[in-house]
């Protein structure tokens, strides 16, 4: 079967996007996700997303990590998918509703900047983090998916893949484990690096991780803006009227087709 795709980068977090107008491609694509995302033998990506249009301003996302497993939410994936949906449909509207397994998200586009209202988050304060003694500030919360946020002195000295892997599988965080964010504040920016479950390594940017870290820094949702520097570029989280918005630029990098082997 010949499958058309586009490749997107959302601050370095990259995705294969599949347009599924008829709504029948998820089961077709699912067995091939790991191979398609492989950096050496496939197209290469942190994840693959199947986009099913619902109407002119609504669509449904089925999200796969590059290990082939499904994910409930992906902030950068929402940004990339909304930008592609906007271009694909030719709609003049700049506001959309995106349906993910973790809930619906309002999204707004301004040129190549995509902003998500991150409506679904919850603190997991019942998890005792006192054993993580080497980190100054630490919070565990869900932003559609679980995130551990840890403040460090020097972000460049952290072995993200080694430390992240250990914490990702720590029994504290149940069977599914957690994503792990390391951050340090320096002046007007917060520097962040994330070990993502499903990718099982560091990515250049993680949208839900950035949002979780912003919430850790501003748990009372006071109005203001937190600017982040990830390995893939600059992004920001805006707090306004007790609402949380995650914003950054995206770009389509290329498109093509691939033959799916039986």
Foldseek 3Di string as FASTA:
>chain_A
DKFWWFWKQFLQQIETEGEDAPPDCCVVCLVCLLQQQDPPRHVHGQWYWYWYDDDLAEIEIFIAGNLSHTAQDFQSVVLRVNVVSCVVSVDPAQWHWYQGNLGIWIWGDDPQKIKIFQPDKFFPVVQDPVVVPQFDAWGWIDSSFIEIETEDDDPVPDPCLVVQLCQQCPPSQPDRGHKYKYWYDDPQAIEIWIQDPSSSGITQDTQSHQQVNVCSVPVVLDFDKHWYQGNSGIWIWGRDPNIIMTMGGMDTDGIDMDDDDD
